[in-house]
């Protein structure tokens, strides 16, 4: 798999146990790149291609971007929908009795309330699993985790639940120190996630990193 920045004649191949770091020193080029990635993540066509063999892949289906590690969203529509689907898949026959029991208990509760009211009401408890999950506010739990732990948990969710293959980290080196970055990288390796770190200034080269620099004149330097 590789990402192709057509406008800059830049190709970044992904490989196992390797972190790709792209430093874009020209602010206008960085802004243009970030806007293009955001546009393509939301279904638009652009000049940054994600390719594997001879196939062009959809950004929205296999890429996640973390703009700010302090605001990782565990309640995104993609994650919640995938979570509910997996919960439905694992609710086998042994859960059917409990499922119908929940609906019956809810029906009895609403019936008791209706009898206490001076007017008529209607309700519908013929709901499916997803409706019950939503009613109970089922979502991923991240309370009590620090920033690194949240990022690690998010990588696991992206890989195991959402089938994400590439995570783009924006200016991650401004938030994590060397030891934290190495821990994050190792978790990405474990969950078979490719990492593309996009930075606005060149930082120290760490173990497992391959660096690409677009300088202020948009000239490419590989380290």
Foldseek 3Di string as FASTA:
>chain_A
DWKAQQVLRDIGDFDFLFAEEEAEQAVVVVVVVVVQLVCQLVPDDDRIFDDDDHDTDRCVQAEAEDADLVDDDQPDPLLLVLVLVVVVVPCDPVCPVVVVVVLVVVVVVVVVVQVVDPDHDDDDSPDDSSVVCVVVVDTDDDPPPDSLRVLLVVLLSCLPRRVHAEYEYEQVCVPDPPVSVVVSSVSCSVSNHHYYYYYNDDDDDDPSYWYWYLHNVRDIDTD
